[in-house]
Amino acid sequence: IKNVDLVITSCTAIAHLAGSMGAKVWIVLKYMPDWRWFLNRDTTDWYPSMKIYRQPKLYDWKSVFQNIEQELKIVTKQ
């Protein structure tokens, strides 16, 4: 995890491990996530280096990954 620029994952042990290590993490969450991710936020108090990408509506993964694609284009230009 320390050897990569970015970890993109769903809510798994990898997300928690990377977040606890301070690695840059983008996590994808379903519309109604686990309580620990709160609601209507793209950050978390648990892991300051983590950015949250949420489904805007039930089963809508397409827009989540379109948002990530756009963000990656911005980040990789730097």
N, C-alpha and C. Protein backbone atom coordinates (compact mmCIF):
# COMPACT_ATOMS: atom_id res chain seq x y z
N ILE A 1 0.83 -1.19 0.00
CA ILE A 1 0.00 0.00 0.00
C ILE A 1 0.87 1.25 0.00
N LYS A 2 1.96 1.22 0.73
CA LYS A 2 2.85 2.38 0.77
C LYS A 2 3.54 2.63 -0.57
N ASN A 3 3.54 1.65 -1.46
CA ASN A 3 4.24 1.78 -2.74
C ASN A 3 3.35 2.24 -3.88
N VAL A 4 2.11 2.55 -3.62
CA VAL A 4 1.22 3.01 -4.68
C VAL A 4 0.82 4.46 -4.42
N ASP A 5 0.42 5.14 -5.48
CA ASP A 5 0.00 6.54 -5.34
C ASP A 5 -1.41 6.68 -4.80
N LEU A 6 -2.26 5.68 -5.09
CA LEU A 6 -3.66 5.77 -4.75
C LEU A 6 -4.26 4.38 -4.63
N VAL A 7 -5.10 4.18 -3.63
CA VAL A 7 -5.86 2.94 -3.47
C VAL A 7 -7.32 3.27 -3.75
N ILE A 8 -7.93 2.55 -4.70
CA ILE A 8 -9.35 2.69 -4.97
C ILE A 8 -9.99 1.35 -4.61
N THR A 9 -10.97 1.38 -3.71
CA THR A 9 -11.54 0.14 -3.20
C THR A 9 -12.96 0.37 -2.69
N SER A 10 -13.64 -0.71 -2.45
CA SER A 10 -14.93 -0.63 -1.76
C SER A 10 -14.66 -0.76 -0.27
N CYS A 11 -15.72 -0.85 0.52
CA CYS A 11 -15.57 -0.95 1.96
C CYS A 11 -15.08 -2.35 2.33
N THR A 12 -13.78 -2.49 2.41
CA THR A 12 -13.14 -3.76 2.72
C THR A 12 -12.04 -3.52 3.76
N ALA A 13 -11.40 -4.57 4.17
CA ALA A 13 -10.27 -4.44 5.09
C ALA A 13 -9.16 -3.61 4.46
N ILE A 14 -9.01 -3.70 3.14
CA ILE A 14 -7.99 -2.90 2.45
C ILE A 14 -8.24 -1.41 2.64
N ALA A 15 -9.49 -0.99 2.57
CA ALA A 15 -9.82 0.42 2.78
C ALA A 15 -9.41 0.87 4.17
N HIS A 16 -9.70 0.06 5.16
CA HIS A 16 -9.38 0.41 6.54
C HIS A 16 -7.87 0.37 6.79
N LEU A 17 -7.20 -0.60 6.22
CA LEU A 17 -5.74 -0.70 6.38
C LEU A 17 -5.06 0.50 5.73
N ALA A 18 -5.43 0.79 4.48
CA ALA A 18 -4.82 1.92 3.77
C ALA A 18 -5.12 3.23 4.49
N GLY A 19 -6.35 3.40 4.92
CA GLY A 19 -6.71 4.61 5.65
C GLY A 19 -5.94 4.77 6.94
N SER A 20 -5.77 3.68 7.67
CA SER A 20 -5.03 3.75 8.94
C SER A 20 -3.54 4.00 8.72
N MET A 21 -3.05 3.66 7.53
CA MET A 21 -1.64 3.91 7.19
C MET A 21 -1.43 5.33 6.67
N GLY A 22 -2.53 6.06 6.44
CA GLY A 22 -2.41 7.41 5.93
C GLY A 22 -2.24 7.47 4.42
N ALA A 23 -2.46 6.35 3.74
CA ALA A 23 -2.35 6.32 2.29
C ALA A 23 -3.54 7.06 1.67
N LYS A 24 -3.34 7.55 0.46
CA LYS A 24 -4.43 8.20 -0.26
C LYS A 24 -5.40 7.11 -0.71
N VAL A 25 -6.66 7.22 -0.27
CA VAL A 25 -7.67 6.19 -0.55
C VAL A 25 -8.93 6.84 -1.09
N TRP A 26 -9.45 6.27 -2.15
CA TRP A 26 -10.78 6.61 -2.65
C TRP A 26 -11.64 5.38 -2.43
N ILE A 27 -12.70 5.54 -1.68
CA ILE A 27 -13.57 4.41 -1.36
C ILE A 27 -14.93 4.62 -2.05
N VAL A 28 -15.44 3.55 -2.63
CA VAL A 28 -16.76 3.60 -3.26
C VAL A 28 -17.76 2.94 -2.32
N LEU A 29 -18.88 3.64 -2.10
CA LEU A 29 -19.89 3.15 -1.16
C LEU A 29 -21.25 3.08 -1.81
N LYS A 30 -22.02 2.11 -1.37
CA LYS A 30 -23.39 1.97 -1.86
C LYS A 30 -24.25 3.10 -1.30
N TYR A 31 -25.44 3.21 -1.83
CA TYR A 31 -26.35 4.30 -1.49
C TYR A 31 -26.62 4.39 0.01
N MET A 32 -26.88 3.28 0.65
CA MET A 32 -27.08 3.25 2.11
C MET A 32 -25.90 2.51 2.74
N PRO A 33 -24.84 3.23 3.07
CA PRO A 33 -23.63 2.58 3.57
C PRO A 33 -23.74 2.19 5.04
N ASP A 34 -22.73 1.51 5.48
CA ASP A 34 -22.58 1.16 6.88
C ASP A 34 -22.55 2.45 7.71
N TRP A 35 -22.99 2.37 8.95
CA TRP A 35 -23.12 3.54 9.82
C TRP A 35 -21.82 4.35 9.95
N ARG A 36 -20.70 3.69 9.89
CA ARG A 36 -19.43 4.39 10.15
C ARG A 36 -19.07 5.42 9.10
N TRP A 37 -19.73 5.35 7.93
CA TRP A 37 -19.43 6.30 6.86
C TRP A 37 -20.35 7.51 6.87
N PHE A 38 -21.26 7.56 7.83
CA PHE A 38 -22.22 8.67 7.94
C PHE A 38 -23.00 8.82 6.63
N LEU A 39 -23.62 9.96 6.44
CA LEU A 39 -24.38 10.22 5.22
C LEU A 39 -24.00 11.60 4.67
N ASN A 40 -24.12 11.74 3.38
CA ASN A 40 -23.95 13.05 2.72
C ASN A 40 -22.60 13.71 2.98
N ARG A 41 -21.55 12.92 3.05
CA ARG A 41 -20.20 13.47 3.22
C ARG A 41 -19.26 12.77 2.25
N ASP A 42 -18.24 13.48 1.79
CA ASP A 42 -17.24 12.83 0.94
C ASP A 42 -15.90 12.68 1.66
N THR A 43 -15.93 12.93 2.97
CA THR A 43 -14.76 12.70 3.82
C THR A 43 -15.20 11.93 5.05
N THR A 44 -14.23 11.46 5.81
CA THR A 44 -14.53 10.75 7.04
C THR A 44 -13.58 11.19 8.15
N ASP A 45 -14.10 11.26 9.34
CA ASP A 45 -13.27 11.62 10.49
C ASP A 45 -12.27 10.51 10.82
N TRP A 46 -12.58 9.29 10.43
CA TRP A 46 -11.72 8.15 10.78
C TRP A 46 -10.40 8.20 10.02
N TYR A 47 -10.45 8.56 8.74
CA TYR A 47 -9.26 8.51 7.88
C TYR A 47 -9.15 9.81 7.08
N PRO A 48 -8.34 10.76 7.52
CA PRO A 48 -8.23 12.05 6.84
C PRO A 48 -7.75 11.95 5.39
N SER A 49 -7.04 10.89 5.04
CA SER A 49 -6.51 10.75 3.68
C SER A 49 -7.50 10.08 2.71
N MET A 50 -8.71 9.85 3.17
CA MET A 50 -9.70 9.11 2.38
C MET A 50 -10.75 10.05 1.79
N LYS A 51 -11.11 9.77 0.54
CA LYS A 51 -12.21 10.47 -0.12
C LYS A 51 -13.29 9.44 -0.44
N ILE A 52 -14.54 9.82 -0.19
CA ILE A 52 -15.66 8.90 -0.37
C ILE A 52 -16.42 9.23 -1.65
N TYR A 53 -16.68 8.20 -2.44
CA TYR A 53 -17.52 8.30 -3.63
C TYR A 53 -18.76 7.45 -3.36
N ARG A 54 -19.91 8.08 -3.35
CA ARG A 54 -21.16 7.40 -2.98
C ARG A 54 -22.09 7.27 -4.18
N GLN A 55 -22.89 6.22 -4.15
CA GLN A 55 -23.97 6.11 -5.12
C GLN A 55 -24.97 7.24 -4.85
N PRO A 56 -25.36 8.00 -5.87
CA PRO A 56 -26.36 9.04 -5.65
C PRO A 56 -27.77 8.47 -5.52
N LYS A 57 -27.95 7.28 -6.06
CA LYS A 57 -29.22 6.57 -5.92
C LYS A 57 -28.94 5.08 -5.95
N LEU A 58 -29.87 4.32 -5.47
CA LEU A 58 -29.72 2.88 -5.36
C LEU A 58 -29.32 2.25 -6.69
N TYR A 59 -28.32 1.39 -6.67
CA TYR A 59 -27.82 0.63 -7.82
C TYR A 59 -27.11 1.46 -8.88
N ASP A 60 -26.86 2.72 -8.65
CA ASP A 60 -26.22 3.58 -9.64
C ASP A 60 -24.71 3.60 -9.46
N TRP A 61 -24.07 2.56 -9.94
CA TRP A 61 -22.61 2.52 -9.89
C TRP A 61 -21.98 3.27 -11.06
N LYS A 62 -22.72 3.38 -12.14
CA LYS A 62 -22.17 4.02 -13.33
C LYS A 62 -21.71 5.44 -13.03
N SER A 63 -22.54 6.23 -12.38
CA SER A 63 -22.16 7.61 -12.10
C SER A 63 -21.00 7.69 -11.09
N VAL A 64 -20.94 6.74 -10.18
CA VAL A 64 -19.82 6.70 -9.21
C VAL A 64 -18.50 6.56 -9.96
N PHE A 65 -18.44 5.62 -10.88
CA PHE A 65 -17.19 5.38 -11.59
C PHE A 65 -16.92 6.43 -12.66
N GLN A 66 -17.94 7.10 -13.15
CA GLN A 66 -17.73 8.24 -14.04
C GLN A 66 -17.08 9.39 -13.26
N ASN A 67 -17.53 9.60 -12.04
CA ASN A 67 -16.92 10.63 -11.18
C ASN A 67 -15.46 10.32 -10.89
N ILE A 68 -15.18 9.06 -10.61
CA ILE A 68 -13.80 8.66 -10.35
C ILE A 68 -12.95 8.84 -11.60
N GLU A 69 -13.49 8.46 -12.74
CA GLU A 69 -12.76 8.64 -14.00
C GLU A 69 -12.40 10.11 -14.22
N GLN A 70 -13.36 11.00 -14.01
CA GLN A 70 -13.10 12.43 -14.18
C GLN A 70 -12.04 12.93 -13.20
N GLU A 71 -12.13 12.50 -11.97
CA GLU A 71 -11.16 12.90 -10.96
C GLU A 71 -9.76 12.39 -11.29
N LEU A 72 -9.68 11.16 -11.79
CA LEU A 72 -8.38 10.59 -12.18
C LEU A 72 -7.76 11.40 -13.32
N LYS A 73 -8.57 11.85 -14.25
CA LYS A 73 -8.05 12.67 -15.36
C LYS A 73 -7.45 13.96 -14.82
N ILE A 74 -8.08 14.54 -13.83
CA ILE A 74 -7.56 15.78 -13.23
C ILE A 74 -6.28 15.50 -12.47
N VAL A 75 -6.29 14.47 -11.66
CA VAL A 75 -5.14 14.14 -10.81
C VAL A 75 -3.92 13.75 -11.64
N THR A 76 -4.12 13.00 -12.70
CA THR A 76 -2.98 12.53 -13.48
C THR A 76 -2.38 13.60 -14.37
N LYS A 77 -3.07 14.72 -14.57
CA LYS A 77 -2.51 15.83 -15.34
C LYS A 77 -1.50 16.62 -14.52
N GLN A 78 -1.52 16.46 -13.22
CA GLN A 78 -0.64 17.24 -12.36
C GLN A 78 0.76 16.68 -12.34
